[in-house]
Amino acid sequence: AERNFWKSLVFQVFEYSGGLKNFEHYFEIIYEAFARKDHWHVFDDVIDSGILEKLKKSSVTLGVVSNWDSRLHTILKSTGLADYFDFILASAEVGSAKPDKKIFLEAIRRSNVSAKEVCHIGDNIRADIQGANSVEIEAILIDRNKKHKKDGLTTVNSFQELL
């Protein structure tokens, strides 16, 4: 289903400007490209902060909650991040996308703690902050470009600040 979703979306994007002669071939190339390491970048502050390693060594349960498809597992493995996490929730696999409560409730379940013991870090006010808050999860907005007013939000500009 997720592959068909992307195929339809990519088709619509190119159809708008006249389409592609060999769409099937092109789609295969682009679909596979988005799963390869060379198309993704881990922000330097994520690694430089050492926070994932510190939290993992402290036996903190770490998870990924993302509006993405099953390729997320491959992407996180290829970027060297997967081993830090106890679980990875891709919205396409859960059948729920942020800000919907279902994906956050599944994260709480997999964390095996209460919502009050969970903290969600994300870069989107609606999907991440409001979504997490809707199930009483504390949320921190990562605002690398300093484009949001604090207005009562817990905000950091880099993972370094989380230390």
N, C-alpha and C. Protein backbone atom coordinates (compact mmCIF):
# COMPACT_ATOMS: atom_id res chain seq x y z
N ALA A 1 0.83 -1.20 0.00
CA ALA A 1 0.00 0.00 0.00
C ALA A 1 0.87 1.26 0.00
N GLU A 2 1.96 1.25 0.78
CA GLU A 2 2.79 2.45 0.84
C GLU A 2 3.48 2.71 -0.50
N ARG A 3 3.89 1.66 -1.16
CA ARG A 3 4.54 1.81 -2.47
C ARG A 3 3.54 2.41 -3.47
N ASN A 4 2.31 1.92 -3.44
CA ASN A 4 1.28 2.46 -4.33
C ASN A 4 0.98 3.92 -4.01
N PHE A 5 0.99 4.26 -2.73
CA PHE A 5 0.78 5.65 -2.33
C PHE A 5 1.84 6.55 -2.97
N TRP A 6 3.12 6.17 -2.82
CA TRP A 6 4.21 6.98 -3.37
C TRP A 6 4.16 7.01 -4.90
N LYS A 7 3.81 5.87 -5.49
CA LYS A 7 3.73 5.81 -6.95
C LYS A 7 2.68 6.78 -7.46
N SER A 8 1.54 6.81 -6.83
CA SER A 8 0.47 7.72 -7.21
C SER A 8 0.89 9.18 -7.02
N LEU A 9 1.53 9.46 -5.90
CA LEU A 9 1.97 10.83 -5.62
C LEU A 9 3.01 11.31 -6.63
N VAL A 10 4.00 10.48 -6.88
CA VAL A 10 5.05 10.85 -7.85
C VAL A 10 4.44 11.01 -9.24
N PHE A 11 3.52 10.12 -9.60
CA PHE A 11 2.86 10.23 -10.90
C PHE A 11 2.13 11.57 -11.02
N GLN A 12 1.38 11.95 -9.99
CA GLN A 12 0.64 13.21 -10.00
C GLN A 12 1.57 14.41 -10.13
N VAL A 13 2.69 14.37 -9.45
CA VAL A 13 3.65 15.48 -9.52
C VAL A 13 4.14 15.67 -10.94
N PHE A 14 4.53 14.58 -11.60
CA PHE A 14 5.07 14.69 -12.96
C PHE A 14 3.98 14.84 -14.02
N GLU A 15 2.82 14.30 -13.77
CA GLU A 15 1.71 14.44 -14.71
C GLU A 15 1.33 15.90 -14.89
N TYR A 16 1.41 16.66 -13.81
CA TYR A 16 1.08 18.08 -13.83
C TYR A 16 1.92 18.85 -14.86
N SER A 17 3.17 18.40 -15.05
CA SER A 17 4.03 19.10 -16.01
C SER A 17 4.27 18.28 -17.28
N GLY A 18 3.32 17.43 -17.63
CA GLY A 18 3.41 16.70 -18.89
C GLY A 18 3.74 15.23 -18.77
N GLY A 19 4.09 14.78 -17.58
CA GLY A 19 4.37 13.36 -17.36
C GLY A 19 5.75 12.93 -17.83
N LEU A 20 6.02 11.66 -17.66
CA LEU A 20 7.29 11.06 -18.07
C LEU A 20 7.01 9.91 -19.04
N LYS A 21 7.85 9.77 -20.06
CA LYS A 21 7.65 8.71 -21.05
C LYS A 21 7.81 7.32 -20.43
N ASN A 22 8.81 7.18 -19.58
CA ASN A 22 9.07 5.87 -18.98
C ASN A 22 8.87 5.96 -17.47
N PHE A 23 7.64 6.28 -17.07
CA PHE A 23 7.36 6.53 -15.66
C PHE A 23 7.71 5.35 -14.77
N GLU A 24 7.36 4.13 -15.15
CA GLU A 24 7.61 2.95 -14.31
C GLU A 24 9.10 2.82 -13.98
N HIS A 25 9.94 2.98 -14.97
CA HIS A 25 11.39 2.89 -14.76
C HIS A 25 11.87 4.01 -13.83
N TYR A 26 11.42 5.22 -14.10
CA TYR A 26 11.82 6.36 -13.28
C TYR A 26 11.35 6.18 -11.84
N PHE A 27 10.13 5.72 -11.66
CA PHE A 27 9.61 5.55 -10.30
C PHE A 27 10.47 4.57 -9.51
N GLU A 28 10.87 3.46 -10.13
CA GLU A 28 11.71 2.48 -9.43
C GLU A 28 13.01 3.13 -8.95
N ILE A 29 13.60 3.96 -9.80
CA ILE A 29 14.86 4.62 -9.44
C ILE A 29 14.64 5.56 -8.25
N ILE A 30 13.63 6.39 -8.31
CA ILE A 30 13.41 7.37 -7.25
C ILE A 30 12.96 6.69 -5.95
N TYR A 31 12.14 5.66 -6.05
CA TYR A 31 11.67 4.96 -4.85
C TYR A 31 12.83 4.33 -4.10
N GLU A 32 13.72 3.68 -4.83
CA GLU A 32 14.89 3.05 -4.21
C GLU A 32 15.87 4.10 -3.70
N ALA A 33 15.99 5.22 -4.39
CA ALA A 33 16.92 6.27 -3.98
C ALA A 33 16.60 6.80 -2.59
N PHE A 34 15.33 6.90 -2.26
CA PHE A 34 14.95 7.45 -0.96
C PHE A 34 15.20 6.47 0.19
N ALA A 35 15.66 5.28 -0.11
CA ALA A 35 16.02 4.33 0.94
C ALA A 35 17.53 4.24 1.13
N ARG A 36 18.29 4.91 0.26
CA ARG A 36 19.74 4.81 0.32
C ARG A 36 20.36 5.87 1.23
N LYS A 37 21.43 5.48 1.88
CA LYS A 37 22.14 6.34 2.82
C LYS A 37 22.58 7.66 2.20
N ASP A 38 23.01 7.64 0.97
CA ASP A 38 23.57 8.85 0.35
C ASP A 38 22.53 9.94 0.10
N HIS A 39 21.27 9.66 0.37
CA HIS A 39 20.23 10.67 0.20
C HIS A 39 19.75 11.24 1.53
N TRP A 40 20.42 10.88 2.61
CA TRP A 40 20.02 11.34 3.94
C TRP A 40 21.24 11.88 4.68
N HIS A 41 20.99 12.79 5.59
CA HIS A 41 22.07 13.40 6.36
C HIS A 41 21.65 13.48 7.82
N VAL A 42 22.49 13.00 8.71
CA VAL A 42 22.24 13.13 10.13
C VAL A 42 22.87 14.45 10.56
N PHE A 43 22.09 15.29 11.22
CA PHE A 43 22.63 16.56 11.68
C PHE A 43 23.83 16.31 12.59
N ASP A 44 24.88 17.13 12.42
CA ASP A 44 26.12 16.97 13.19
C ASP A 44 25.87 16.98 14.70
N ASP A 45 24.93 17.82 15.15
CA ASP A 45 24.70 17.93 16.59
C ASP A 45 24.14 16.65 17.19
N VAL A 46 23.49 15.83 16.40
CA VAL A 46 22.95 14.57 16.90
C VAL A 46 24.10 13.66 17.33
N ILE A 47 25.09 13.54 16.49
CA ILE A 47 26.25 12.70 16.78
C ILE A 47 27.19 13.38 17.77
N ASP A 48 27.51 14.64 17.52
CA ASP A 48 28.47 15.38 18.36
C ASP A 48 28.03 15.47 19.82
N SER A 49 26.74 15.56 20.05
CA SER A 49 26.24 15.67 21.42
C SER A 49 26.47 14.39 22.22
N GLY A 50 26.48 13.26 21.53
CA GLY A 50 26.63 11.98 22.21
C GLY A 50 25.41 11.60 23.04
N ILE A 51 24.33 12.34 22.89
CA ILE A 51 23.16 12.12 23.76
C ILE A 51 22.51 10.76 23.56
N LEU A 52 22.47 10.28 22.33
CA LEU A 52 21.84 8.96 22.10
C LEU A 52 22.63 7.87 22.83
N GLU A 53 23.93 7.94 22.74
CA GLU A 53 24.78 6.96 23.41
C GLU A 53 24.64 7.07 24.93
N LYS A 54 24.61 8.29 25.45
CA LYS A 54 24.47 8.49 26.90
C LYS A 54 23.14 7.97 27.41
N LEU A 55 22.07 8.25 26.69
CA LEU A 55 20.75 7.79 27.11
C LEU A 55 20.66 6.26 27.02
N LYS A 56 21.21 5.69 25.97
CA LYS A 56 21.19 4.24 25.81
C LYS A 56 21.95 3.56 26.95
N LYS A 57 23.12 4.10 27.31
CA LYS A 57 23.91 3.54 28.40
C LYS A 57 23.21 3.70 29.74
N SER A 58 22.33 4.68 29.84
CA SER A 58 21.58 4.92 31.08
C SER A 58 20.29 4.10 31.13
N SER A 59 20.12 3.19 30.19
CA SER A 59 18.94 2.31 30.11
C SER A 59 17.64 3.06 29.88
N VAL A 60 17.72 4.22 29.24
CA VAL A 60 16.52 4.94 28.85
C VAL A 60 16.00 4.28 27.57
N THR A 61 14.71 4.00 27.53
CA THR A 61 14.11 3.43 26.33
C THR A 61 14.01 4.53 25.29
N LEU A 62 14.57 4.28 24.12
CA LEU A 62 14.56 5.26 23.04
C LEU A 62 13.78 4.71 21.86
N GLY A 63 12.97 5.56 21.26
CA GLY A 63 12.20 5.15 20.10
C GLY A 63 12.11 6.24 19.06
N VAL A 64 11.81 5.86 17.87
CA VAL A 64 11.57 6.79 16.77
C VAL A 64 10.09 6.72 16.45
N VAL A 65 9.47 7.89 16.34
CA VAL A 65 8.07 8.00 15.93
C VAL A 65 8.08 8.93 14.73
N SER A 66 7.79 8.39 13.55
CA SER A 66 7.97 9.17 12.33
C SER A 66 6.83 8.98 11.34
N ASN A 67 6.48 10.06 10.67
CA ASN A 67 5.54 9.99 9.56
C ASN A 67 6.32 9.57 8.31
N TRP A 68 6.52 8.28 8.19
CA TRP A 68 7.31 7.75 7.09
C TRP A 68 6.83 6.34 6.80
N ASP A 69 7.48 5.67 5.87
CA ASP A 69 7.09 4.31 5.52
C ASP A 69 8.12 3.31 6.01
N SER A 70 7.96 2.06 5.62
CA SER A 70 8.81 0.99 6.15
C SER A 70 10.28 1.14 5.78
N ARG A 71 10.59 1.97 4.81
CA ARG A 71 12.00 2.20 4.46
C ARG A 71 12.75 2.90 5.58
N LEU A 72 12.02 3.44 6.56
CA LEU A 72 12.66 4.11 7.69
C LEU A 72 13.66 3.20 8.40
N HIS A 73 13.34 1.93 8.54
CA HIS A 73 14.24 0.98 9.20
C HIS A 73 15.58 0.91 8.47
N THR A 74 15.51 0.78 7.15
CA THR A 74 16.72 0.72 6.32
C THR A 74 17.52 2.02 6.41
N ILE A 75 16.82 3.12 6.37
CA ILE A 75 17.49 4.44 6.44
C ILE A 75 18.22 4.59 7.77
N LEU A 76 17.56 4.26 8.86
CA LEU A 76 18.19 4.40 10.17
C LEU A 76 19.37 3.44 10.33
N LYS A 77 19.27 2.24 9.78
CA LYS A 77 20.40 1.31 9.83
C LYS A 77 21.57 1.85 9.03
N SER A 78 21.30 2.33 7.84
CA SER A 78 22.39 2.77 6.97
C SER A 78 23.05 4.05 7.46
N THR A 79 22.35 4.85 8.25
CA THR A 79 22.94 6.07 8.81
C THR A 79 23.57 5.83 10.17
N GLY A 80 23.52 4.59 10.65
CA GLY A 80 24.15 4.25 11.92
C GLY A 80 23.33 4.62 13.15
N LEU A 81 22.06 4.93 12.97
CA LEU A 81 21.24 5.35 14.10
C LEU A 81 20.38 4.23 14.70
N ALA A 82 20.05 3.22 13.93
CA ALA A 82 19.09 2.20 14.35
C ALA A 82 19.46 1.53 15.67
N ASP A 83 20.72 1.27 15.90
CA ASP A 83 21.13 0.55 17.10
C ASP A 83 20.86 1.30 18.40
N TYR A 84 20.66 2.60 18.32
CA TYR A 84 20.37 3.38 19.52
C TYR A 84 18.92 3.18 20.00
N PHE A 85 18.07 2.73 19.12
CA PHE A 85 16.64 2.73 19.41
C PHE A 85 16.10 1.34 19.75
N ASP A 86 15.21 1.35 20.74
CA ASP A 86 14.55 0.12 21.16
C ASP A 86 13.37 -0.22 20.25
N PHE A 87 12.81 0.80 19.63
CA PHE A 87 11.73 0.58 18.67
C PHE A 87 11.70 1.71 17.66
N ILE A 88 11.18 1.39 16.48
CA ILE A 88 11.02 2.35 15.40
C ILE A 88 9.59 2.23 14.90
N LEU A 89 8.85 3.34 15.01
CA LEU A 89 7.46 3.37 14.56
C LEU A 89 7.34 4.24 13.32
N ALA A 90 7.12 3.61 12.20
CA ALA A 90 6.85 4.33 10.96
C ALA A 90 5.34 4.41 10.82
N SER A 91 4.84 5.58 10.51
CA SER A 91 3.39 5.78 10.45
C SER A 91 2.70 4.80 9.50
N ALA A 92 3.34 4.48 8.40
CA ALA A 92 2.74 3.56 7.43
C ALA A 92 2.55 2.16 8.03
N GLU A 93 3.41 1.78 8.94
CA GLU A 93 3.31 0.46 9.57
C GLU A 93 2.30 0.45 10.72
N VAL A 94 2.17 1.58 11.39
CA VAL A 94 1.26 1.67 12.53
C VAL A 94 -0.17 1.95 12.06
N GLY A 95 -0.29 2.56 10.88
CA GLY A 95 -1.61 2.93 10.37
C GLY A 95 -2.12 4.21 11.00
N SER A 96 -1.19 5.03 11.43
CA SER A 96 -1.52 6.30 12.09
C SER A 96 -0.34 7.23 11.93
N ALA A 97 -0.63 8.48 11.60
CA ALA A 97 0.43 9.47 11.42
C ALA A 97 0.28 10.59 12.44
N LYS A 98 1.41 11.12 12.87
CA LYS A 98 1.38 12.27 13.78
C LYS A 98 0.61 13.40 13.10
N PRO A 99 -0.25 14.08 13.75
CA PRO A 99 -0.45 14.21 15.19
C PRO A 99 -1.49 13.27 15.78
N ASP A 100 -1.94 12.27 15.03
CA ASP A 100 -2.96 11.35 15.55
C ASP A 100 -2.48 10.68 16.84
N LYS A 101 -3.39 10.49 17.75
CA LYS A 101 -3.06 9.91 19.06
C LYS A 101 -2.56 8.48 18.97
N LYS A 102 -3.06 7.72 17.99
CA LYS A 102 -2.76 6.28 17.93
C LYS A 102 -1.26 6.00 17.88
N ILE A 103 -0.52 6.74 17.09
CA ILE A 103 0.92 6.47 16.96
C ILE A 103 1.65 6.81 18.26
N PHE A 104 1.20 7.85 18.95
CA PHE A 104 1.82 8.21 20.23
C PHE A 104 1.46 7.20 21.31
N LEU A 105 0.23 6.72 21.30
CA LEU A 105 -0.17 5.70 22.27
C LEU A 105 0.61 4.40 22.06
N GLU A 106 0.89 4.07 20.81
CA GLU A 106 1.71 2.89 20.51
C GLU A 106 3.14 3.10 21.02
N ALA A 107 3.66 4.30 20.90
CA ALA A 107 5.00 4.60 21.42
C ALA A 107 5.04 4.44 22.94
N ILE A 108 4.00 4.90 23.61
CA ILE A 108 3.92 4.74 25.08
C ILE A 108 3.89 3.26 25.42
N ARG A 109 3.07 2.50 24.69
CA ARG A 109 2.96 1.06 24.95
C ARG A 109 4.31 0.38 24.78
N ARG A 110 5.00 0.70 23.70
CA ARG A 110 6.30 0.05 23.45
C ARG A 110 7.37 0.52 24.43
N SER A 111 7.22 1.71 24.97
CA SER A 111 8.17 2.22 25.95
C SER A 111 8.00 1.53 27.30
N ASN A 112 6.81 1.01 27.52
CA ASN A 112 6.48 0.32 28.77
C ASN A 112 6.61 1.23 30.00
N VAL A 113 6.22 2.49 29.82
CA VAL A 113 6.17 3.47 30.91
C VAL A 113 4.89 4.27 30.75
N SER A 114 4.61 5.12 31.71
CA SER A 114 3.42 5.98 31.60
C SER A 114 3.74 7.18 30.71
N ALA A 115 2.70 7.81 30.19
CA ALA A 115 2.87 8.99 29.34
C ALA A 115 3.67 10.08 30.05
N LYS A 116 3.50 10.19 31.35
CA LYS A 116 4.20 11.22 32.13
C LYS A 116 5.71 10.99 32.17
N GLU A 117 6.14 9.78 31.82
CA GLU A 117 7.57 9.46 31.83
C GLU A 117 8.19 9.56 30.43
N VAL A 118 7.40 9.96 29.46
CA VAL A 118 7.85 10.02 28.07
C VAL A 118 8.13 11.46 27.67
N CYS A 119 9.15 11.64 26.85
CA CYS A 119 9.44 12.94 26.26
C CYS A 119 9.61 12.73 24.75
N HIS A 120 8.92 13.53 23.97
CA HIS A 120 9.00 13.44 22.51
C HIS A 120 9.72 14.68 21.99
N ILE A 121 10.71 14.48 21.15
CA ILE A 121 11.45 15.58 20.54
C ILE A 121 11.14 15.59 19.06
N GLY A 122 10.69 16.75 18.56
CA GLY A 122 10.35 16.83 17.15
C GLY A 122 10.48 18.25 16.62
N ASP A 123 10.38 18.38 15.31
CA ASP A 123 10.60 19.69 14.69
C ASP A 123 9.35 20.32 14.10
N ASN A 124 8.20 19.73 14.38
CA ASN A 124 6.95 20.26 13.82
C ASN A 124 5.96 20.51 14.95
N ILE A 125 5.50 21.75 15.06
CA ILE A 125 4.63 22.10 16.18
C ILE A 125 3.35 21.27 16.17
N ARG A 126 2.70 21.18 15.04
CA ARG A 126 1.42 20.46 14.98
C ARG A 126 1.62 18.96 15.16
N ALA A 127 2.44 18.36 14.31
CA ALA A 127 2.60 16.91 14.32
C ALA A 127 3.28 16.42 15.59
N ASP A 128 4.36 17.07 15.98
CA ASP A 128 5.15 16.57 17.10
C ASP A 128 4.71 17.11 18.46
N ILE A 129 4.61 18.40 18.58
CA ILE A 129 4.32 19.00 19.89
C ILE A 129 2.85 18.80 20.26
N GLN A 130 1.95 19.24 19.39
CA GLN A 130 0.52 19.09 19.69
C GLN A 130 0.12 17.62 19.73
N GLY A 131 0.68 16.82 18.85
CA GLY A 131 0.37 15.39 18.84
C GLY A 131 0.78 14.72 20.14
N ALA A 132 2.00 14.97 20.58
CA ALA A 132 2.48 14.38 21.84
C ALA A 132 1.67 14.90 23.02
N ASN A 133 1.45 16.20 23.05
CA ASN A 133 0.69 16.79 24.15
C ASN A 133 -0.73 16.25 24.23
N SER A 134 -1.31 15.82 23.11
CA SER A 134 -2.68 15.32 23.11
C SER A 134 -2.84 14.03 23.92
N VAL A 135 -1.73 13.33 24.17
CA VAL A 135 -1.76 12.13 25.01
C VAL A 135 -0.92 12.33 26.27
N GLU A 136 -0.73 13.59 26.62
CA GLU A 136 -0.04 13.99 27.85
C GLU A 136 1.44 13.63 27.88
N ILE A 137 2.05 13.59 26.71
CA ILE A 137 3.50 13.40 26.62
C ILE A 137 4.14 14.78 26.58
N GLU A 138 5.19 14.96 27.37
CA GLU A 138 5.96 16.19 27.31
C GLU A 138 6.67 16.24 25.96
N ALA A 139 6.75 17.42 25.38
CA ALA A 139 7.37 17.53 24.06
C ALA A 139 8.35 18.69 24.02
N ILE A 140 9.42 18.48 23.28
CA ILE A 140 10.44 19.51 23.07
C ILE A 140 10.53 19.77 21.57
N LEU A 141 10.44 21.04 21.20
CA LEU A 141 10.57 21.42 19.80
C LEU A 141 12.03 21.67 19.49
N ILE A 142 12.56 20.97 18.50
CA ILE A 142 13.91 21.27 18.03
C ILE A 142 13.76 22.24 16.87
N ASP A 143 14.30 23.43 17.06
CA ASP A 143 14.11 24.55 16.13
C ASP A 143 15.48 25.01 15.66
N ARG A 144 16.11 24.22 14.78
CA ARG A 144 17.48 24.50 14.33
C ARG A 144 17.61 25.85 13.63
N ASN A 145 16.55 26.31 12.98
CA ASN A 145 16.62 27.58 12.24
C ASN A 145 16.05 28.76 13.03
N LYS A 146 15.69 28.53 14.26
CA LYS A 146 15.18 29.57 15.16
C LYS A 146 14.04 30.36 14.52
N LYS A 147 13.08 29.63 13.96
CA LYS A 147 11.98 30.29 13.26
C LYS A 147 10.69 30.36 14.08
N HIS A 148 10.67 29.71 15.24
CA HIS A 148 9.46 29.69 16.06
C HIS A 148 9.64 30.54 17.30
N LYS A 149 8.60 31.24 17.68
CA LYS A 149 8.61 31.95 18.94
C LYS A 149 8.42 30.92 20.03
N LYS A 150 9.02 31.13 21.17
CA LYS A 150 8.94 30.15 22.25
C LYS A 150 7.52 29.99 22.77
N ASP A 151 6.81 31.07 22.99
CA ASP A 151 5.39 31.05 23.39
C ASP A 151 4.98 29.83 24.23
N GLY A 152 5.67 29.61 25.31
CA GLY A 152 5.32 28.53 26.21
C GLY A 152 5.83 27.16 25.80
N LEU A 153 6.54 27.08 24.68
CA LEU A 153 7.09 25.81 24.22
C LEU A 153 8.46 25.57 24.84
N THR A 154 8.75 24.33 25.11
CA THR A 154 10.13 23.97 25.46
C THR A 154 10.85 23.80 24.14
N THR A 155 11.85 24.63 23.91
CA THR A 155 12.52 24.67 22.61
C THR A 155 14.03 24.57 22.77
N VAL A 156 14.67 23.83 21.87
CA VAL A 156 16.13 23.78 21.77
C VAL A 156 16.50 24.02 20.32
N ASN A 157 17.71 24.49 20.11
CA ASN A 157 18.19 24.73 18.76
C ASN A 157 19.09 23.62 18.25
N SER A 158 19.54 22.75 19.15
CA SER A 158 20.37 21.62 18.76
C SER A 158 20.31 20.55 19.84
N PHE A 159 20.77 19.37 19.50
CA PHE A 159 20.81 18.28 20.48
C PHE A 159 21.80 18.60 21.60
N GLN A 160 22.78 19.47 21.32
CA GLN A 160 23.74 19.88 22.36
C GLN A 160 23.00 20.46 23.55
N GLU A 161 21.93 21.22 23.30
CA GLU A 161 21.17 21.86 24.37
C GLU A 161 20.40 20.86 25.21
N LEU A 162 20.18 19.67 24.72
CA LEU A 162 19.46 18.66 25.49
C LEU A 162 20.31 18.12 26.63
N LEU A 163 21.62 18.24 26.50
CA LEU A 163 22.50 17.74 27.54
C LEU A 163 22.31 18.52 28.82
